[in-house]
Amino acid sequence: EYHFQRALDINSQSSVLHCHLGMAQHQNGKTMEALDTLAGAFRLDPRNPQAHYQRATIFMTLDRPEDALSELEKVRSAAPKEASVHFNMGKVHKRLGQPAKAMRCFLTA
């Protein structure tokens, strides 16, 4: 986390660095701070698929599956062949009690 923060001090206009810092913050248990950091990534690049993916991951840990699904759908639009996106969408659909949709996502992954 420290090194990503130092890198952002040098280049605060990098949405990718914001994403990496947000991931590190989330892994260190600073979930709300991670969401704030990812918001900074969105200000720089609203379509950044990595930021959407990370935010979906955080929403899943916060038990907000509808929000996670919304983020994953944005990532799928940007990277339709990314297996991890389809797999995580399957997990979200399963959590939402939508087994048929979950199965379609798992099969696509």
C-alpha atoms as a PDB file:
ATOM      1  CA  GLU A   1       0.000   0.000   0.000  1.00  0.00           C
ATOM      2  CA  TYR A   2       2.809   2.380   0.918  1.00  0.00           C
ATOM      3  CA  HIS A   3       4.537   2.006  -2.441  1.00  0.00           C
ATOM      4  CA  PHE A   4       1.358   2.600  -4.437  1.00  0.00           C
ATOM      5  CA  GLN A   5       0.711   5.733  -2.394  1.00  0.00           C
ATOM      6  CA  ARG A   6       4.240   6.956  -3.122  1.00  0.00           C
ATOM      7  CA  ALA A   7       3.737   6.234  -6.832  1.00  0.00           C
ATOM      8  CA  LEU A   8       0.489   8.246  -6.756  1.00  0.00           C
ATOM      9  CA  ASP A   9       2.357  11.103  -5.106  1.00  0.00           C
ATOM     10  CA  ILE A  10       4.545  11.142  -8.215  1.00  0.00           C
ATOM     11  CA  ASN A  11       1.782  10.518 -10.774  1.00  0.00           C
ATOM     12  CA  SER A  12      -1.620  11.370  -9.354  1.00  0.00           C
ATOM     13  CA  GLN A  13      -3.243  11.249 -12.802  1.00  0.00           C
ATOM     14  CA  SER A  14      -2.918   7.478 -13.209  1.00  0.00           C
ATOM     15  CA  SER A  15      -6.214   5.641 -12.851  1.00  0.00           C
ATOM     16  CA  VAL A  16      -4.274   2.355 -12.869  1.00  0.00           C
ATOM     17  CA  LEU A  17      -2.289   3.405  -9.798  1.00  0.00           C
ATOM     18  CA  HIS A  18      -5.526   4.375  -8.067  1.00  0.00           C
ATOM     19  CA  CYS A  19      -6.823   0.864  -8.800  1.00  0.00           C
ATOM     20  CA  HIS A  20      -3.737  -0.817  -7.392  1.00  0.00           C
ATOM     21  CA  LEU A  21      -3.814   1.330  -4.271  1.00  0.00           C
ATOM     22  CA  GLY A  22      -7.514   0.554  -3.810  1.00  0.00           C
ATOM     23  CA  MET A  23      -6.806  -3.181  -4.141  1.00  0.00           C
ATOM     24  CA  ALA A  24      -4.060  -2.952  -1.530  1.00  0.00           C
ATOM     25  CA  GLN A  25      -6.275  -0.967   0.821  1.00  0.00           C
ATOM     26  CA  HIS A  26      -9.054  -3.534   0.472  1.00  0.00           C
ATOM     27  CA  GLN A  27      -6.631  -6.382   1.178  1.00  0.00           C
ATOM     28  CA  ASN A  28      -5.492  -4.499   4.287  1.00  0.00           C
ATOM     29  CA  GLY A  29      -9.053  -4.227   5.570  1.00  0.00           C
ATOM     30  CA  LYS A  30      -9.557  -0.578   4.614  1.00  0.00           C
ATOM     31  CA  THR A  31     -12.660  -1.224   2.558  1.00  0.00           C
ATOM     32  CA  MET A  32     -14.263   2.205   2.649  1.00  0.00           C
ATOM     33  CA  GLU A  33     -10.934   3.880   1.950  1.00  0.00           C
ATOM     34  CA  ALA A  34     -10.510   1.518  -1.008  1.00  0.00           C
ATOM     35  CA  LEU A  35     -13.890   2.587  -2.409  1.00  0.00           C
ATOM     36  CA  ASP A  36     -12.834   6.235  -2.084  1.00  0.00           C
ATOM     37  CA  THR A  37      -9.569   5.499  -3.881  1.00  0.00           C
ATOM     38  CA  LEU A  38     -11.418   3.702  -6.683  1.00  0.00           C
ATOM     39  CA  ALA A  39     -13.689   6.735  -6.981  1.00  0.00           C
ATOM     40  CA  GLY A  40     -10.524   8.654  -7.817  1.00  0.00           C
ATOM     41  CA  ALA A  41      -9.789   6.145 -10.583  1.00  0.00           C
ATOM     42  CA  PHE A  42     -13.280   6.726 -11.999  1.00  0.00           C
ATOM     43  CA  ARG A  43     -12.791  10.486 -11.982  1.00  0.00           C
ATOM     44  CA  LEU A  44      -9.720   9.996 -14.161  1.00  0.00           C
ATOM     45  CA  ASP A  45     -11.176   7.269 -16.396  1.00  0.00           C
ATOM     46  CA  PRO A  46     -14.883   6.462 -15.928  1.00  0.00           C
ATOM     47  CA  ARG A  47     -14.650   3.398 -18.183  1.00  0.00           C
ATOM     48  CA  ASN A  48     -11.641   1.777 -16.486  1.00  0.00           C
ATOM     49  CA  PRO A  49     -12.596  -1.927 -16.414  1.00  0.00           C
ATOM     50  CA  GLN A  50     -10.069  -2.736 -13.714  1.00  0.00           C
ATOM     51  CA  ALA A  51     -11.667  -0.200 -11.365  1.00  0.00           C
ATOM     52  CA  HIS A  52     -15.129  -1.628 -12.055  1.00  0.00           C
ATOM     53  CA  TYR A  53     -13.856  -5.156 -11.412  1.00  0.00           C
ATOM     54  CA  GLN A  54     -12.240  -4.159  -8.127  1.00  0.00           C
ATOM     55  CA  ARG A  55     -15.334  -2.303  -7.012  1.00  0.00           C
ATOM     56  CA  ALA A  56     -17.416  -5.404  -7.806  1.00  0.00           C
ATOM     57  CA  THR A  57     -15.069  -7.465  -5.648  1.00  0.00           C
ATOM     58  CA  ILE A  58     -15.505  -5.048  -2.759  1.00  0.00           C
ATOM     59  CA  PHE A  59     -19.280  -5.009  -3.183  1.00  0.00           C
ATOM     60  CA  MET A  60     -19.296  -8.803  -2.942  1.00  0.00           C
ATOM     61  CA  THR A  61     -17.432  -8.686   0.361  1.00  0.00           C
ATOM     62  CA  LEU A  62     -19.895  -6.061   1.592  1.00  0.00           C
ATOM     63  CA  ASP A  63     -22.795  -8.394   0.657  1.00  0.00           C
ATOM     64  CA  ARG A  64     -24.071  -6.020  -2.013  1.00  0.00           C
ATOM     65  CA  PRO A  65     -24.557  -8.482  -4.892  1.00  0.00           C
ATOM     66  CA  GLU A  66     -26.792  -6.226  -6.997  1.00  0.00           C
ATOM     67  CA  ASP A  67     -24.119  -3.518  -6.992  1.00  0.00           C
ATOM     68  CA  ALA A  68     -21.449  -6.107  -7.747  1.00  0.00           C
ATOM     69  CA  LEU A  69     -23.450  -7.416 -10.698  1.00  0.00           C
ATOM     70  CA  SER A  70     -23.864  -3.896 -12.084  1.00  0.00           C
ATOM     71  CA  GLU A  71     -20.098  -3.378 -11.968  1.00  0.00           C
ATOM     72  CA  LEU A  72     -19.366  -6.776 -13.525  1.00  0.00           C
ATOM     73  CA  GLU A  73     -21.744  -6.047 -16.395  1.00  0.00           C
ATOM     74  CA  LYS A  74     -19.696  -2.928 -17.175  1.00  0.00           C
ATOM     75  CA  VAL A  75     -16.519  -5.014 -17.171  1.00  0.00           C
ATOM     76  CA  ARG A  76     -18.138  -7.637 -19.409  1.00  0.00           C
ATOM     77  CA  SER A  77     -18.985  -4.905 -21.925  1.00  0.00           C
ATOM     78  CA  ALA A  78     -15.324  -3.899 -22.038  1.00  0.00           C
ATOM     79  CA  ALA A  79     -13.882  -7.424 -21.930  1.00  0.00           C
ATOM     80  CA  PRO A  80     -16.548  -9.888 -23.108  1.00  0.00           C
ATOM     81  CA  LYS A  81     -14.187 -12.879 -23.244  1.00  0.00           C
ATOM     82  CA  GLU A  82     -12.667 -12.461 -19.783  1.00  0.00           C
ATOM     83  CA  ALA A  83     -13.416 -15.744 -17.979  1.00  0.00           C
ATOM     84  CA  SER A  84     -13.028 -14.357 -14.451  1.00  0.00           C
ATOM     85  CA  VAL A  85     -15.768 -11.810 -15.122  1.00  0.00           C
ATOM     86  CA  HIS A  86     -18.227 -14.508 -16.217  1.00  0.00           C
ATOM     87  CA  PHE A  87     -17.233 -16.719 -13.299  1.00  0.00           C
ATOM     88  CA  ASN A  88     -17.802 -13.918 -10.779  1.00  0.00           C
ATOM     89  CA  MET A  89     -21.081 -13.013 -12.437  1.00  0.00           C
ATOM     90  CA  GLY A  90     -22.088 -16.651 -11.932  1.00  0.00           C
ATOM     91  CA  LYS A  91     -21.225 -16.394  -8.243  1.00  0.00           C
ATOM     92  CA  VAL A  92     -23.329 -13.240  -7.941  1.00  0.00           C
ATOM     93  CA  HIS A  93     -26.317 -14.789  -9.724  1.00  0.00           C
ATOM     94  CA  LYS A  94     -26.023 -17.830  -7.459  1.00  0.00           C
ATOM     95  CA  ARG A  95     -26.041 -15.587  -4.398  1.00  0.00           C
ATOM     96  CA  LEU A  96     -29.094 -13.786  -5.773  1.00  0.00           C
ATOM     97  CA  GLY A  97     -30.930 -17.106  -6.116  1.00  0.00           C
ATOM     98  CA  GLN A  98     -30.776 -17.162  -9.917  1.00  0.00           C
ATOM     99  CA  PRO A  99     -29.354 -20.622 -10.660  1.00  0.00           C
ATOM    100  CA  ALA A 100     -30.150 -20.650 -14.404  1.00  0.00           C
ATOM    101  CA  LYS A 101     -28.341 -17.352 -14.969  1.00  0.00           C
ATOM    102  CA  ALA A 102     -25.499 -18.536 -12.731  1.00  0.00           C
ATOM    103  CA  MET A 103     -25.102 -21.707 -14.787  1.00  0.00           C
ATOM    104  CA  ARG A 104     -25.013 -19.760 -18.063  1.00  0.00           C
ATOM    105  CA  CYS A 105     -22.234 -17.560 -16.660  1.00  0.00           C
ATOM    106  CA  PHE A 106     -20.259 -20.552 -15.350  1.00  0.00           C
ATOM    107  CA  LEU A 107     -20.549 -22.302 -18.708  1.00  0.00           C
ATOM    108  CA  THR A 108     -19.386 -19.154 -20.525  1.00  0.00           C
ATOM    109  CA  ALA A 109     -16.384 -18.845 -18.210  1.00  0.00           C
END
